[in-house]
Amino acid sequence: MISVLIETRNADEPLARTLGGLVGGALEGVLSDVIVIDHGSTDQTHRVADAAGCIFLQDQTLIDGLRRARSDWILFIEPGARLIDGWIEAVSLHVERMQGPACFTRSHAHRKPFFARVFAPGNPLANGLLISKRQAMALSAPGKSAADLARGLAMKRLRAEIIPGAAK
C-alpha cells in the first residue's frame, strides 16, 4: 500500500483531474490515503480534496504531511498529472521488491526533445516520485517542498507512464 501526497496552490481543476486517475488504485487496494497539502489556495481546492475523501492540510509543511501518511511508501505527484493504465502493477511490483526511489516515464506524446531535457530540466516532480516514507522523512527539512526532495535524487524508472501536470 502507498500514500499519495500532493502539494497544491490554486489548483482545483488540475487536482480533480489527478484524483480521478487515482480511483483505480484505491479500488485495487493499492492506495491507503491521499494527502493534499495546500499552500494558501483561494479557489475550490479544499472542496475538491474533501469531495474525494482526501486528508486536507492547510498551510502545513511537507513533514506534517509525511507524518499523517499511513503507508510505508509515498507517491508524490503534482496537481494535473495523470497516471496511465498499468501504473498500479508497476508501483505494486516496485514496492514489493523494496527498491529505492522511482519515477514514472513520460508518455510518448509528452516527452521533451533531447536538448530541452538536457538544458532545461524543469520540475523534478513532473514524472512523480515514489519513495519510502523513511527515506522521505530523512531527506525532509523545514521549508522543503516535495520538488526539493526530488531534486538531484537518483531514481529508477518505472515501467508505467505519466502525463505531467503541465500538459493539458
Protein backbone atom coordinates (compact mmCIF):
# COMPACT_ATOMS: atom_id res chain seq x y z
CA MET A 1 0.00 0.00 0.00
CA ILE A 2 1.06 3.55 -0.69
CA SER A 3 0.07 7.02 0.40
CA VAL A 4 -0.21 9.77 -2.21
CA LEU A 5 0.95 13.25 -1.27
CA ILE A 6 0.07 16.28 -3.42
CA GLU A 7 1.17 19.86 -2.73
CA THR A 8 -1.20 22.47 -4.17
CA ARG A 9 -1.91 26.14 -4.53
CA ASN A 10 -4.94 27.29 -6.52
CA ALA A 11 -5.16 24.01 -8.41
CA ASP A 12 -8.76 22.86 -8.03
CA GLU A 13 -9.30 21.69 -11.63
CA PRO A 14 -5.86 20.03 -12.04
CA LEU A 15 -6.27 18.37 -8.63
CA ALA A 16 -9.64 16.91 -9.66
CA ARG A 17 -8.06 15.50 -12.83
CA THR A 18 -5.27 13.85 -10.84
CA LEU A 19 -7.56 12.44 -8.16
CA GLY A 20 -9.85 10.96 -10.81
CA GLY A 21 -6.92 8.98 -12.18
CA LEU A 22 -6.13 7.53 -8.75
CA VAL A 23 -9.54 5.89 -8.27
CA GLY A 24 -8.36 2.62 -9.82
CA GLY A 25 -5.55 2.39 -7.29
CA ALA A 26 -7.99 2.88 -4.43
CA LEU A 27 -10.33 0.21 -5.83
CA GLU A 28 -7.42 -2.24 -6.20
CA GLY A 29 -6.36 -1.60 -2.59
CA VAL A 30 -3.01 -0.07 -3.58
CA LEU A 31 -3.76 3.38 -2.11
CA SER A 32 -4.30 3.73 1.60
CA ASP A 33 -4.74 7.50 1.69
CA VAL A 34 -4.30 10.70 -0.29
CA ILE A 35 -2.93 13.76 1.49
CA VAL A 36 -3.29 17.23 -0.03
CA ILE A 37 -1.05 19.91 1.44
CA ASP A 38 -2.43 23.28 0.41
CA HIS A 39 -0.26 26.40 0.43
CA GLY A 40 -2.80 29.22 0.53
CA SER A 41 -5.32 28.46 -2.21
CA THR A 42 -8.14 30.92 -2.80
CA ASP A 43 -10.06 28.66 -5.21
CA GLN A 44 -12.07 25.49 -4.52
CA THR A 45 -9.09 23.20 -3.88
CA HIS A 46 -10.31 22.33 -0.38
CA ARG A 47 -13.73 21.26 -1.70
CA VAL A 48 -12.21 19.05 -4.40
CA ALA A 49 -9.98 17.35 -1.83
CA ASP A 50 -12.87 16.95 0.62
CA ALA A 51 -15.21 15.50 -2.02
CA ALA A 52 -12.55 12.93 -2.95
CA GLY A 53 -12.04 11.89 0.67
CA CYS A 54 -8.50 13.25 0.94
CA ILE A 55 -6.76 14.34 4.10
CA PHE A 56 -6.54 18.11 3.62
CA LEU A 57 -3.78 20.04 5.37
CA GLN A 58 -3.94 23.82 5.05
CA ASP A 59 -0.69 25.80 5.35
CA GLN A 60 1.26 22.87 6.80
CA THR A 61 4.67 21.52 5.89
CA LEU A 62 5.81 18.51 3.92
CA ILE A 63 6.95 16.91 7.17
CA ASP A 64 3.41 17.29 8.58
CA GLY A 65 2.03 15.51 5.51
CA LEU A 66 4.58 12.70 5.79
CA ARG A 67 3.69 12.19 9.44
CA ARG A 68 -0.01 11.82 8.52
CA ALA A 69 0.71 9.24 5.80
CA ARG A 70 -0.40 5.74 6.81
CA SER A 71 1.77 3.76 4.39
CA ASP A 72 5.46 2.94 4.30
CA TRP A 73 5.69 4.22 0.69
CA ILE A 74 4.81 7.70 -0.57
CA LEU A 75 3.89 8.71 -4.11
CA PHE A 76 4.47 12.42 -4.68
CA ILE A 77 2.61 13.75 -7.68
CA GLU A 78 1.85 17.24 -8.92
CA PRO A 79 -1.71 18.51 -9.48
CA GLY A 80 -2.86 17.83 -13.02
CA ALA A 81 -0.60 14.83 -13.57
CA ARG A 82 -2.35 11.72 -14.84
CA LEU A 83 -1.09 8.18 -14.43
CA ILE A 84 -1.67 5.97 -17.46
CA ASP A 85 -3.10 2.44 -17.31
CA GLY A 86 -0.61 -0.06 -15.93
CA TRP A 87 0.67 2.16 -13.14
CA ILE A 88 -0.89 0.04 -10.39
CA GLU A 89 1.08 -3.07 -11.34
CA ALA A 90 4.35 -1.16 -11.78
CA VAL A 91 4.04 0.58 -8.41
CA SER A 92 2.98 -2.60 -6.61
CA LEU A 93 5.91 -4.54 -8.03
CA HIS A 94 8.39 -1.81 -7.11
CA VAL A 95 7.10 -1.56 -3.53
CA GLU A 96 7.01 -5.35 -3.16
CA ARG A 97 10.68 -5.59 -4.12
CA MET A 98 11.53 -2.79 -1.64
CA GLN A 99 13.60 -0.90 -4.20
CA GLY A 100 14.77 2.69 -3.80
CA PRO A 101 13.19 5.87 -5.20
CA ALA A 102 11.46 5.66 -8.57
CA CYS A 103 9.67 7.87 -11.07
CA PHE A 104 7.33 7.29 -13.99
CA THR A 105 8.23 7.52 -17.65
CA ARG A 106 6.64 10.40 -19.55
CA SER A 107 4.03 9.33 -22.07
CA HIS A 108 5.31 9.35 -25.65
CA ALA A 109 3.16 12.33 -26.59
CA HIS A 110 4.53 14.43 -23.71
CA ARG A 111 8.25 13.73 -23.86
CA LYS A 112 10.52 16.73 -24.21
CA PRO A 113 13.03 16.84 -27.03
CA PHE A 114 16.55 15.74 -26.06
CA PHE A 115 18.11 19.20 -25.81
CA ALA A 116 15.20 20.52 -23.77
CA ARG A 117 15.72 17.67 -21.25
CA VAL A 118 19.46 18.35 -21.04
CA PHE A 119 19.48 22.15 -20.88
CA ALA A 120 16.16 22.88 -19.18
CA PRO A 121 15.41 20.02 -16.80
CA GLY A 122 12.22 21.63 -15.39
CA ASN A 123 10.12 20.44 -12.48
CA PRO A 124 11.65 17.43 -10.70
CA LEU A 125 8.15 16.18 -9.79
CA ALA A 126 6.87 16.20 -13.38
CA ASN A 127 7.46 12.43 -13.52
CA GLY A 128 6.25 11.80 -9.97
CA LEU A 129 8.32 10.33 -7.14
CA LEU A 130 7.77 7.02 -5.40
CA ILE A 131 9.91 6.82 -2.25
CA SER A 132 9.87 5.04 1.09
CA LYS A 133 8.41 7.09 3.91
CA ARG A 134 11.55 6.52 5.95
CA GLN A 135 13.80 7.94 3.22
CA ALA A 136 11.43 10.86 2.58
CA MET A 137 11.45 11.74 6.29
CA ALA A 138 15.26 11.54 6.38
CA LEU A 139 15.60 13.87 3.38
CA SER A 140 12.96 16.36 4.56
CA ALA A 141 13.80 19.56 6.33
CA PRO A 142 11.75 22.56 7.44
CA GLY A 143 10.82 24.70 4.46
CA LYS A 144 11.48 21.95 1.91
CA SER A 145 8.88 21.09 -0.70
CA ALA A 146 8.32 17.77 -2.45
CA ALA A 147 10.09 19.19 -5.52
CA ASP A 148 13.13 19.97 -3.35
CA LEU A 149 13.07 16.40 -2.10
CA ALA A 150 13.09 15.00 -5.65
CA ARG A 151 15.76 17.36 -6.98
CA GLY A 152 19.03 15.51 -7.60
CA LEU A 153 17.70 12.19 -6.30
CA ALA A 154 18.78 9.10 -8.25
CA MET A 155 15.61 7.29 -9.30
CA LYS A 156 14.72 4.12 -11.10
CA ARG A 157 12.25 4.48 -13.99
CA LEU A 158 9.03 2.56 -13.54
CA ARG A 159 7.53 0.71 -16.49
CA ALA A 160 4.48 2.93 -16.33
CA GLU A 161 3.74 6.26 -17.95
CA ILE A 162 2.62 9.63 -16.67
CA ILE A 163 1.20 12.71 -18.35
CA PRO A 164 2.82 15.63 -16.49
CA GLY A 165 0.64 18.16 -14.71
CA ALA A 166 1.58 20.99 -17.07
CA ALA A 167 0.21 19.03 -20.06
CA LYS A 168 -3.44 19.62 -20.88
